Amino acid sequence: MADLVFVVSRTERTYYVYLKHNYANERRSVILDRRFGERRRIQQWPLDERRHGERRRHRNITPELESVGWALVPRG
């Protein structure tokens, strides 16, 4: 499994092709950002939190995708 992941903006397909060709290997993977809009339908937090802690570490990569076109994140 890859240790690092390049996440490339959907609008930057040339970066995707370049990074995939030059940097993808068994330790690094390159993927296109598949997010499309906000996933929550209602901008309200649930009243009862069912989870006991976070399942994932979150890092907001949206600013990097918008400014640079790609972001490099460690796989947890």
N, C-alpha and C. Protein backbone atom coordinates (compact mmCIF):
# COMPACT_ATOMS: atom_id res chain seq x y z
N MET A 1 0.84 -1.18 0.00
CA MET A 1 0.00 0.00 0.00
C MET A 1 0.89 1.25 0.00
N ALA A 2 0.46 2.27 -0.69
CA ALA A 2 1.23 3.50 -0.82
C ALA A 2 1.35 4.23 0.51
N ASP A 3 2.51 4.84 0.73
CA ASP A 3 2.74 5.64 1.93
C ASP A 3 2.31 7.08 1.72
N LEU A 4 2.39 7.55 0.48
CA LEU A 4 2.01 8.91 0.14
C LEU A 4 1.01 8.89 -1.00
N VAL A 5 0.12 9.86 -0.99
CA VAL A 5 -0.90 9.94 -2.02
C VAL A 5 -0.92 11.36 -2.59
N PHE A 6 -0.76 11.46 -3.89
CA PHE A 6 -0.96 12.73 -4.58
C PHE A 6 -2.45 12.81 -4.92
N VAL A 7 -3.11 13.85 -4.45
CA VAL A 7 -4.50 14.09 -4.80
C VAL A 7 -4.50 15.25 -5.77
N VAL A 8 -5.04 15.02 -6.96
CA VAL A 8 -4.99 16.02 -8.03
C VAL A 8 -6.40 16.53 -8.31
N SER A 9 -6.51 17.84 -8.47
CA SER A 9 -7.79 18.46 -8.79
C SER A 9 -8.34 17.91 -10.10
N ARG A 10 -9.66 17.74 -10.18
CA ARG A 10 -10.28 17.24 -11.40
C ARG A 10 -10.06 18.17 -12.58
N THR A 11 -9.81 19.44 -12.30
CA THR A 11 -9.61 20.41 -13.38
C THR A 11 -8.18 20.41 -13.90
N GLU A 12 -7.29 19.67 -13.26
CA GLU A 12 -5.87 19.65 -13.63
C GLU A 12 -5.44 18.28 -14.12
N ARG A 13 -6.04 17.83 -15.18
CA ARG A 13 -5.74 16.49 -15.70
C ARG A 13 -4.29 16.35 -16.17
N THR A 14 -3.69 17.45 -16.63
CA THR A 14 -2.28 17.37 -17.06
C THR A 14 -1.37 17.07 -15.88
N TYR A 15 -1.66 17.65 -14.70
CA TYR A 15 -0.89 17.30 -13.49
C TYR A 15 -1.07 15.83 -13.16
N TYR A 16 -2.29 15.34 -13.30
CA TYR A 16 -2.56 13.94 -13.00
C TYR A 16 -1.71 13.03 -13.87
N VAL A 17 -1.70 13.28 -15.16
CA VAL A 17 -0.92 12.45 -16.09
C VAL A 17 0.57 12.55 -15.77
N TYR A 18 1.06 13.76 -15.52
CA TYR A 18 2.48 13.96 -15.22
C TYR A 18 2.88 13.24 -13.94
N LEU A 19 2.12 13.46 -12.88
CA LEU A 19 2.46 12.84 -11.59
C LEU A 19 2.34 11.32 -11.66
N LYS A 20 1.32 10.83 -12.32
CA LYS A 20 1.13 9.38 -12.45
C LYS A 20 2.30 8.76 -13.20
N HIS A 21 2.74 9.41 -14.24
CA HIS A 21 3.85 8.88 -15.05
C HIS A 21 5.18 8.96 -14.32
N ASN A 22 5.44 10.06 -13.60
CA ASN A 22 6.76 10.28 -13.01
C ASN A 22 6.91 9.88 -11.55
N TYR A 23 5.82 9.82 -10.79
CA TYR A 23 5.97 9.60 -9.35
C TYR A 23 5.23 8.39 -8.79
N ALA A 24 4.29 7.84 -9.51
CA ALA A 24 3.54 6.72 -8.96
C ALA A 24 4.40 5.46 -8.95
N ASN A 25 4.40 4.80 -7.81
CA ASN A 25 5.08 3.52 -7.67
C ASN A 25 4.45 2.80 -6.48
N GLU A 26 5.11 1.79 -5.95
CA GLU A 26 4.52 1.03 -4.84
C GLU A 26 4.43 1.84 -3.54
N ARG A 27 5.17 2.95 -3.45
CA ARG A 27 5.14 3.77 -2.23
C ARG A 27 4.34 5.06 -2.40
N ARG A 28 4.00 5.40 -3.64
CA ARG A 28 3.24 6.64 -3.91
C ARG A 28 2.14 6.33 -4.92
N SER A 29 0.96 6.84 -4.64
CA SER A 29 -0.13 6.69 -5.60
C SER A 29 -0.65 8.07 -5.98
N VAL A 30 -1.30 8.14 -7.13
CA VAL A 30 -1.83 9.39 -7.65
C VAL A 30 -3.31 9.16 -7.95
N ILE A 31 -4.18 10.01 -7.38
CA ILE A 31 -5.61 9.88 -7.61
C ILE A 31 -6.21 11.24 -7.95
N LEU A 32 -7.33 11.21 -8.66
CA LEU A 32 -8.07 12.43 -8.94
C LEU A 32 -9.03 12.70 -7.78
N ASP A 33 -9.19 13.96 -7.43
CA ASP A 33 -10.13 14.35 -6.40
C ASP A 33 -11.53 14.05 -6.89
N ARG A 34 -12.27 13.24 -6.17
CA ARG A 34 -13.61 12.83 -6.58
C ARG A 34 -14.71 13.61 -5.87
N ARG A 35 -14.32 14.50 -4.97
CA ARG A 35 -15.34 15.25 -4.23
C ARG A 35 -16.10 16.17 -5.17
N PHE A 36 -17.38 16.32 -4.90
CA PHE A 36 -18.22 17.20 -5.69
C PHE A 36 -19.20 17.87 -4.75
N GLY A 37 -18.88 19.07 -4.32
CA GLY A 37 -19.76 19.81 -3.43
C GLY A 37 -19.74 19.27 -2.01
N GLU A 38 -20.56 19.83 -1.19
CA GLU A 38 -20.67 19.43 0.21
C GLU A 38 -21.51 18.17 0.30
N ARG A 39 -21.04 17.21 1.07
CA ARG A 39 -21.75 15.94 1.19
C ARG A 39 -22.94 16.02 2.13
N ARG A 40 -22.85 16.86 3.12
CA ARG A 40 -23.97 16.99 4.05
C ARG A 40 -25.10 17.76 3.39
N ARG A 41 -26.29 17.26 3.53
CA ARG A 41 -27.44 17.95 2.95
C ARG A 41 -27.91 19.08 3.83
N ILE A 42 -27.84 18.88 5.13
CA ILE A 42 -28.26 19.90 6.09
C ILE A 42 -27.03 20.36 6.86
N GLN A 43 -26.83 21.64 6.94
CA GLN A 43 -25.66 22.18 7.64
C GLN A 43 -25.92 22.22 9.15
N GLN A 44 -26.15 21.05 9.72
CA GLN A 44 -26.43 20.95 11.15
C GLN A 44 -25.77 19.68 11.67
N TRP A 45 -25.12 19.77 12.81
CA TRP A 45 -24.49 18.61 13.40
C TRP A 45 -25.55 17.73 14.05
N PRO A 46 -25.35 16.43 14.05
CA PRO A 46 -26.33 15.55 14.72
C PRO A 46 -26.37 15.85 16.22
N LEU A 47 -27.53 15.63 16.80
CA LEU A 47 -27.69 15.91 18.22
C LEU A 47 -26.89 14.93 19.07
N ASP A 48 -26.90 13.68 18.72
CA ASP A 48 -26.16 12.66 19.47
C ASP A 48 -25.00 12.16 18.63
N GLU A 49 -23.82 12.28 19.15
CA GLU A 49 -22.63 11.77 18.46
C GLU A 49 -22.53 10.28 18.73
N ARG A 50 -22.59 9.48 17.68
CA ARG A 50 -22.55 8.03 17.84
C ARG A 50 -21.13 7.49 17.85
N ARG A 51 -20.22 8.20 17.23
CA ARG A 51 -18.85 7.71 17.18
C ARG A 51 -18.13 8.04 18.47
N HIS A 52 -17.17 7.24 18.81
CA HIS A 52 -16.34 7.47 19.99
C HIS A 52 -14.95 7.88 19.54
N GLY A 53 -14.85 9.05 18.96
CA GLY A 53 -13.57 9.53 18.45
C GLY A 53 -13.56 9.53 16.95
N GLU A 54 -12.59 10.20 16.39
CA GLU A 54 -12.47 10.31 14.95
C GLU A 54 -11.91 9.02 14.36
N ARG A 55 -12.45 8.63 13.21
CA ARG A 55 -11.94 7.46 12.51
C ARG A 55 -10.75 7.81 11.65
N ARG A 56 -10.73 9.02 11.16
CA ARG A 56 -9.66 9.45 10.26
C ARG A 56 -9.07 10.76 10.75
N ARG A 57 -7.83 10.96 10.34
CA ARG A 57 -7.22 12.28 10.57
C ARG A 57 -7.61 13.15 9.40
N HIS A 58 -8.12 14.32 9.69
CA HIS A 58 -8.59 15.21 8.63
C HIS A 58 -7.61 16.33 8.39
N ARG A 59 -7.39 16.61 7.13
CA ARG A 59 -6.59 17.76 6.72
C ARG A 59 -7.30 18.37 5.54
N ASN A 60 -7.58 19.64 5.62
CA ASN A 60 -8.29 20.31 4.54
C ASN A 60 -7.31 20.60 3.41
N ILE A 61 -7.45 19.87 2.30
CA ILE A 61 -6.55 20.05 1.16
C ILE A 61 -7.18 20.92 0.08
N THR A 62 -8.40 21.39 0.31
CA THR A 62 -9.09 22.20 -0.70
C THR A 62 -8.29 23.43 -1.11
N PRO A 63 -7.70 24.21 -0.17
CA PRO A 63 -6.91 25.37 -0.60
C PRO A 63 -5.73 25.01 -1.51
N GLU A 64 -5.07 23.89 -1.22
CA GLU A 64 -3.96 23.46 -2.06
C GLU A 64 -4.44 23.05 -3.45
N LEU A 65 -5.56 22.34 -3.51
CA LEU A 65 -6.09 21.92 -4.80
C LEU A 65 -6.49 23.13 -5.64
N GLU A 66 -7.05 24.15 -4.99
CA GLU A 66 -7.48 25.33 -5.72
C GLU A 66 -6.31 26.20 -6.16
N SER A 67 -5.26 26.29 -5.35
CA SER A 67 -4.15 27.17 -5.70
C SER A 67 -3.07 26.48 -6.53
N VAL A 68 -2.71 25.26 -6.18
CA VAL A 68 -1.62 24.56 -6.85
C VAL A 68 -2.13 23.54 -7.86
N GLY A 69 -3.26 22.93 -7.57
CA GLY A 69 -3.81 21.92 -8.46
C GLY A 69 -3.63 20.50 -7.95
N TRP A 70 -2.82 20.34 -6.91
CA TRP A 70 -2.61 19.02 -6.33
C TRP A 70 -2.15 19.19 -4.88
N ALA A 71 -2.25 18.09 -4.13
CA ALA A 71 -1.80 18.07 -2.73
C ALA A 71 -1.18 16.71 -2.45
N LEU A 72 -0.20 16.69 -1.58
CA LEU A 72 0.47 15.45 -1.18
C LEU A 72 0.08 15.16 0.26
N VAL A 73 -0.49 13.98 0.50
CA VAL A 73 -0.94 13.62 1.84
C VAL A 73 -0.39 12.26 2.21
N PRO A 74 -0.05 12.07 3.48
CA PRO A 74 0.38 10.74 3.93
C PRO A 74 -0.82 9.82 4.08
N ARG A 75 -0.64 8.57 3.78
CA ARG A 75 -1.71 7.60 3.99
C ARG A 75 -1.58 7.12 5.43
N GLY A 76 -2.68 7.18 6.14
CA GLY A 76 -2.67 6.84 7.56
C GLY A 76 -2.84 5.46 7.83
